Amino acid sequence: MFTVMDKLRLPADLGKAIAQYREAHKLSAVAVASKAGRSRTVLHKLERGEDVTVASLFNILRAMGLCLGLQKAGMPTLEEMQQRFADDGDDAGGGHAA
């Protein structure tokens, strides 16, 4: 099931949301990149939260039938902070042998 965080605060958040949307809607990377006029490499960089041009971002979003909206950020909620650091807690010396 596809879910998106309420607020995307970092490039990695946006990239993860784009990747989740693409996969949930069974859009192949090749098809999206081709429709956007960009390479798969650019799409994958975006999905990893790496730097791409603003034009590439909007071309990829448009190819997926998506757009961006702006809203005042404010402070992260407790829930957002718990989500952000939930994965980090798994690596915090939980006594698991490597």
N, C-alpha and C. Protein backbone atom coordinates (compact mmCIF):
# COMPACT_ATOMS: atom_id res chain seq x y z
N MET A 1 0.85 -1.18 0.00
CA MET A 1 0.00 0.00 0.00
C MET A 1 0.89 1.24 0.00
N PHE A 2 0.52 2.23 -0.74
CA PHE A 2 1.30 3.45 -0.88
C PHE A 2 0.92 4.46 0.20
N THR A 3 1.93 4.96 0.89
CA THR A 3 1.72 6.03 1.86
C THR A 3 2.80 7.08 1.66
N VAL A 4 2.47 8.32 1.93
CA VAL A 4 3.41 9.43 1.85
C VAL A 4 3.36 10.16 3.17
N MET A 5 4.52 10.59 3.63
CA MET A 5 4.56 11.39 4.84
C MET A 5 3.78 12.67 4.60
N ASP A 6 3.23 13.24 5.66
CA ASP A 6 2.49 14.48 5.52
C ASP A 6 3.36 15.61 4.97
N LYS A 7 4.59 15.68 5.46
CA LYS A 7 5.49 16.75 5.04
C LYS A 7 6.81 16.15 4.59
N LEU A 8 7.27 16.61 3.45
CA LEU A 8 8.57 16.19 2.93
C LEU A 8 9.54 17.30 3.26
N ARG A 9 10.47 17.03 4.15
CA ARG A 9 11.37 18.07 4.65
C ARG A 9 12.77 18.00 4.05
N LEU A 10 13.15 16.88 3.49
CA LEU A 10 14.49 16.68 2.97
C LEU A 10 14.43 16.09 1.57
N PRO A 11 15.50 16.28 0.77
CA PRO A 11 15.52 15.64 -0.55
C PRO A 11 15.31 14.13 -0.48
N ALA A 12 15.84 13.50 0.55
CA ALA A 12 15.66 12.05 0.69
C ALA A 12 14.19 11.70 0.92
N ASP A 13 13.45 12.56 1.63
CA ASP A 13 12.01 12.33 1.83
C ASP A 13 11.27 12.36 0.49
N LEU A 14 11.59 13.36 -0.31
CA LEU A 14 10.95 13.49 -1.63
C LEU A 14 11.30 12.30 -2.50
N GLY A 15 12.58 11.94 -2.51
CA GLY A 15 13.00 10.81 -3.32
C GLY A 15 12.30 9.52 -2.93
N LYS A 16 12.20 9.28 -1.63
CA LYS A 16 11.53 8.07 -1.14
C LYS A 16 10.05 8.07 -1.54
N ALA A 17 9.41 9.22 -1.43
CA ALA A 17 7.99 9.32 -1.79
C ALA A 17 7.79 9.07 -3.28
N ILE A 18 8.68 9.60 -4.11
CA ILE A 18 8.58 9.39 -5.56
C ILE A 18 8.79 7.91 -5.88
N ALA A 19 9.79 7.30 -5.28
CA ALA A 19 10.05 5.88 -5.53
C ALA A 19 8.87 5.02 -5.09
N GLN A 20 8.33 5.31 -3.90
CA GLN A 20 7.19 4.54 -3.40
C GLN A 20 5.99 4.69 -4.33
N TYR A 21 5.73 5.91 -4.78
CA TYR A 21 4.60 6.15 -5.67
C TYR A 21 4.80 5.37 -6.98
N ARG A 22 6.00 5.48 -7.54
CA ARG A 22 6.28 4.82 -8.81
C ARG A 22 6.09 3.32 -8.69
N GLU A 23 6.62 2.73 -7.62
CA GLU A 23 6.51 1.29 -7.43
C GLU A 23 5.07 0.87 -7.14
N ALA A 24 4.37 1.64 -6.32
CA ALA A 24 2.98 1.30 -5.97
C ALA A 24 2.06 1.36 -7.19
N HIS A 25 2.40 2.23 -8.13
CA HIS A 25 1.57 2.38 -9.33
C HIS A 25 2.14 1.63 -10.52
N LYS A 26 3.12 0.75 -10.22
CA LYS A 26 3.71 -0.12 -11.22
C LYS A 26 4.21 0.65 -12.45
N LEU A 27 4.86 1.77 -12.19
CA LEU A 27 5.48 2.57 -13.25
C LEU A 27 6.94 2.18 -13.33
N SER A 28 7.37 1.70 -14.48
CA SER A 28 8.77 1.30 -14.61
C SER A 28 9.66 2.53 -14.68
N ALA A 29 10.88 2.38 -14.19
CA ALA A 29 11.84 3.48 -14.24
C ALA A 29 12.12 3.87 -15.69
N VAL A 30 12.20 2.89 -16.57
CA VAL A 30 12.46 3.17 -17.98
C VAL A 30 11.33 4.00 -18.58
N ALA A 31 10.08 3.62 -18.29
CA ALA A 31 8.93 4.34 -18.84
C ALA A 31 8.85 5.76 -18.32
N VAL A 32 9.04 5.94 -17.02
CA VAL A 32 8.97 7.28 -16.42
C VAL A 32 10.08 8.15 -16.98
N ALA A 33 11.30 7.64 -16.99
CA ALA A 33 12.44 8.41 -17.49
C ALA A 33 12.24 8.79 -18.95
N SER A 34 11.79 7.86 -19.75
CA SER A 34 11.56 8.12 -21.16
C SER A 34 10.50 9.20 -21.37
N LYS A 35 9.39 9.06 -20.66
CA LYS A 35 8.31 10.04 -20.77
C LYS A 35 8.75 11.42 -20.30
N ALA A 36 9.67 11.45 -19.32
CA ALA A 36 10.17 12.71 -18.79
C ALA A 36 11.29 13.30 -19.65
N GLY A 37 11.80 12.51 -20.59
CA GLY A 37 12.92 12.98 -21.40
C GLY A 37 14.22 13.02 -20.61
N ARG A 38 14.34 12.15 -19.61
CA ARG A 38 15.52 12.08 -18.76
C ARG A 38 16.03 10.64 -18.74
N SER A 39 17.23 10.44 -18.24
CA SER A 39 17.77 9.10 -18.16
C SER A 39 17.29 8.41 -16.88
N ARG A 40 17.40 7.09 -16.87
CA ARG A 40 17.07 6.34 -15.66
C ARG A 40 18.00 6.75 -14.52
N THR A 41 19.23 7.10 -14.86
CA THR A 41 20.19 7.53 -13.85
C THR A 41 19.68 8.75 -13.10
N VAL A 42 19.12 9.72 -13.83
CA VAL A 42 18.58 10.92 -13.20
C VAL A 42 17.41 10.56 -12.29
N LEU A 43 16.53 9.70 -12.75
CA LEU A 43 15.40 9.26 -11.94
C LEU A 43 15.89 8.58 -10.67
N HIS A 44 16.85 7.68 -10.80
CA HIS A 44 17.35 6.97 -9.62
C HIS A 44 18.08 7.91 -8.66
N LYS A 45 18.80 8.89 -9.19
CA LYS A 45 19.44 9.89 -8.32
C LYS A 45 18.38 10.64 -7.52
N LEU A 46 17.31 11.04 -8.19
CA LEU A 46 16.21 11.74 -7.52
C LEU A 46 15.61 10.86 -6.43
N GLU A 47 15.37 9.60 -6.73
CA GLU A 47 14.77 8.68 -5.77
C GLU A 47 15.68 8.41 -4.57
N ARG A 48 16.99 8.59 -4.74
CA ARG A 48 17.93 8.42 -3.62
C ARG A 48 18.14 9.74 -2.86
N GLY A 49 17.49 10.80 -3.30
CA GLY A 49 17.63 12.08 -2.62
C GLY A 49 18.87 12.85 -3.02
N GLU A 50 19.48 12.46 -4.13
CA GLU A 50 20.66 13.15 -4.62
C GLU A 50 20.26 14.35 -5.45
N ASP A 51 21.24 15.23 -5.73
CA ASP A 51 20.96 16.44 -6.48
C ASP A 51 20.62 16.15 -7.94
N VAL A 52 19.53 16.72 -8.38
CA VAL A 52 19.15 16.76 -9.79
C VAL A 52 18.67 18.18 -10.06
N THR A 53 18.55 18.54 -11.31
CA THR A 53 18.07 19.89 -11.60
C THR A 53 16.59 20.01 -11.28
N VAL A 54 16.17 21.23 -11.03
CA VAL A 54 14.75 21.48 -10.78
C VAL A 54 13.94 21.09 -12.01
N ALA A 55 14.47 21.36 -13.19
CA ALA A 55 13.77 21.00 -14.43
C ALA A 55 13.58 19.48 -14.51
N SER A 56 14.61 18.72 -14.13
CA SER A 56 14.49 17.25 -14.13
C SER A 56 13.43 16.79 -13.14
N LEU A 57 13.43 17.38 -11.96
CA LEU A 57 12.43 17.04 -10.95
C LEU A 57 11.03 17.24 -11.50
N PHE A 58 10.77 18.41 -12.07
CA PHE A 58 9.42 18.68 -12.56
C PHE A 58 9.07 17.83 -13.78
N ASN A 59 10.03 17.53 -14.65
CA ASN A 59 9.75 16.66 -15.78
C ASN A 59 9.37 15.25 -15.32
N ILE A 60 10.08 14.75 -14.30
CA ILE A 60 9.78 13.42 -13.78
C ILE A 60 8.41 13.40 -13.08
N LEU A 61 8.15 14.42 -12.27
CA LEU A 61 6.84 14.49 -11.61
C LEU A 61 5.72 14.55 -12.65
N ARG A 62 5.90 15.38 -13.65
CA ARG A 62 4.88 15.53 -14.70
C ARG A 62 4.67 14.19 -15.42
N ALA A 63 5.76 13.47 -15.69
CA ALA A 63 5.66 12.17 -16.37
C ALA A 63 4.88 11.16 -15.53
N MET A 64 4.91 11.34 -14.20
CA MET A 64 4.19 10.43 -13.30
C MET A 64 2.79 10.94 -12.98
N GLY A 65 2.42 12.10 -13.53
CA GLY A 65 1.10 12.66 -13.25
C GLY A 65 1.03 13.33 -11.89
N LEU A 66 2.16 13.81 -11.37
CA LEU A 66 2.23 14.43 -10.05
C LEU A 66 2.63 15.89 -10.15
N CYS A 67 2.40 16.62 -9.08
CA CYS A 67 2.86 18.01 -8.97
C CYS A 67 3.19 18.27 -7.51
N LEU A 68 3.86 19.39 -7.25
CA LEU A 68 4.22 19.77 -5.88
C LEU A 68 3.30 20.87 -5.38
N GLY A 69 3.11 20.92 -4.08
CA GLY A 69 2.40 22.00 -3.42
C GLY A 69 3.26 22.51 -2.28
N LEU A 70 3.12 23.76 -1.94
CA LEU A 70 3.91 24.34 -0.86
C LEU A 70 3.03 24.63 0.34
N GLN A 71 3.59 24.44 1.53
CA GLN A 71 2.89 24.78 2.76
C GLN A 71 3.93 25.19 3.79
N LYS A 72 3.50 25.94 4.77
CA LYS A 72 4.40 26.38 5.82
C LYS A 72 4.89 25.15 6.60
N ALA A 73 6.18 25.07 6.82
CA ALA A 73 6.77 23.88 7.43
C ALA A 73 6.49 23.78 8.92
N GLY A 74 6.74 24.83 9.66
CA GLY A 74 6.59 24.73 11.11
C GLY A 74 7.57 23.74 11.69
N MET A 75 7.42 23.44 12.94
CA MET A 75 8.28 22.47 13.61
C MET A 75 7.79 21.05 13.32
N PRO A 76 8.72 20.10 13.24
CA PRO A 76 8.30 18.71 13.05
C PRO A 76 7.46 18.25 14.24
N THR A 77 6.47 17.43 13.97
CA THR A 77 5.66 16.88 15.05
C THR A 77 6.42 15.74 15.72
N LEU A 78 5.98 15.33 16.89
CA LEU A 78 6.59 14.21 17.59
C LEU A 78 6.53 12.96 16.71
N GLU A 79 5.41 12.76 16.07
CA GLU A 79 5.25 11.59 15.19
C GLU A 79 6.26 11.62 14.04
N GLU A 80 6.47 12.81 13.44
CA GLU A 80 7.45 12.93 12.36
C GLU A 80 8.85 12.62 12.87
N MET A 81 9.19 13.09 14.06
CA MET A 81 10.51 12.84 14.62
C MET A 81 10.68 11.34 14.94
N GLN A 82 9.64 10.71 15.46
CA GLN A 82 9.72 9.28 15.75
C GLN A 82 9.90 8.49 14.47
N GLN A 83 9.19 8.86 13.41
CA GLN A 83 9.35 8.18 12.13
C GLN A 83 10.75 8.38 11.59
N ARG A 84 11.25 9.61 11.67
CA ARG A 84 12.56 9.94 11.11
C ARG A 84 13.66 9.10 11.74
N PHE A 85 13.58 8.90 13.07
CA PHE A 85 14.65 8.22 13.78
C PHE A 85 14.35 6.77 14.10
N ALA A 86 13.22 6.25 13.68
CA ALA A 86 12.86 4.86 13.96
C ALA A 86 13.88 3.89 13.38
N ASP A 87 14.28 4.10 12.14
CA ASP A 87 15.25 3.21 11.50
C ASP A 87 16.63 3.34 12.13
N ASP A 88 17.00 4.55 12.57
CA ASP A 88 18.30 4.76 13.19
C ASP A 88 18.42 3.98 14.48
N GLY A 89 17.34 3.79 15.21
CA GLY A 89 17.35 3.07 16.47
C GLY A 89 17.72 1.60 16.29
N ASP A 90 17.43 1.05 15.10
CA ASP A 90 17.77 -0.34 14.84
C ASP A 90 19.27 -0.57 14.84
N ASP A 91 20.06 0.47 14.50
CA ASP A 91 21.51 0.35 14.39
C ASP A 91 22.22 0.81 15.66
N ALA A 92 21.50 1.23 16.68
CA ALA A 92 22.11 1.87 17.84
C ALA A 92 22.55 0.87 18.90
N GLY A 93 23.45 -0.04 18.53
CA GLY A 93 24.05 -0.94 19.51
C GLY A 93 23.06 -1.80 20.24
N GLY A 94 22.15 -2.42 19.52
CA GLY A 94 21.14 -3.25 20.15
C GLY A 94 21.64 -4.61 20.55
N GLY A 95 22.96 -4.81 20.54
CA GLY A 95 23.51 -6.09 20.99
C GLY A 95 23.46 -7.17 19.93
N HIS A 96 23.17 -6.79 18.69
CA HIS A 96 23.11 -7.79 17.61
C HIS A 96 24.50 -7.98 17.03
N ALA A 97 24.91 -9.22 16.89
CA ALA A 97 26.21 -9.50 16.28
C ALA A 97 26.12 -9.32 14.79
N ALA A 98 27.19 -8.83 14.20
CA ALA A 98 27.23 -8.60 12.75
C ALA A 98 27.57 -9.85 12.00
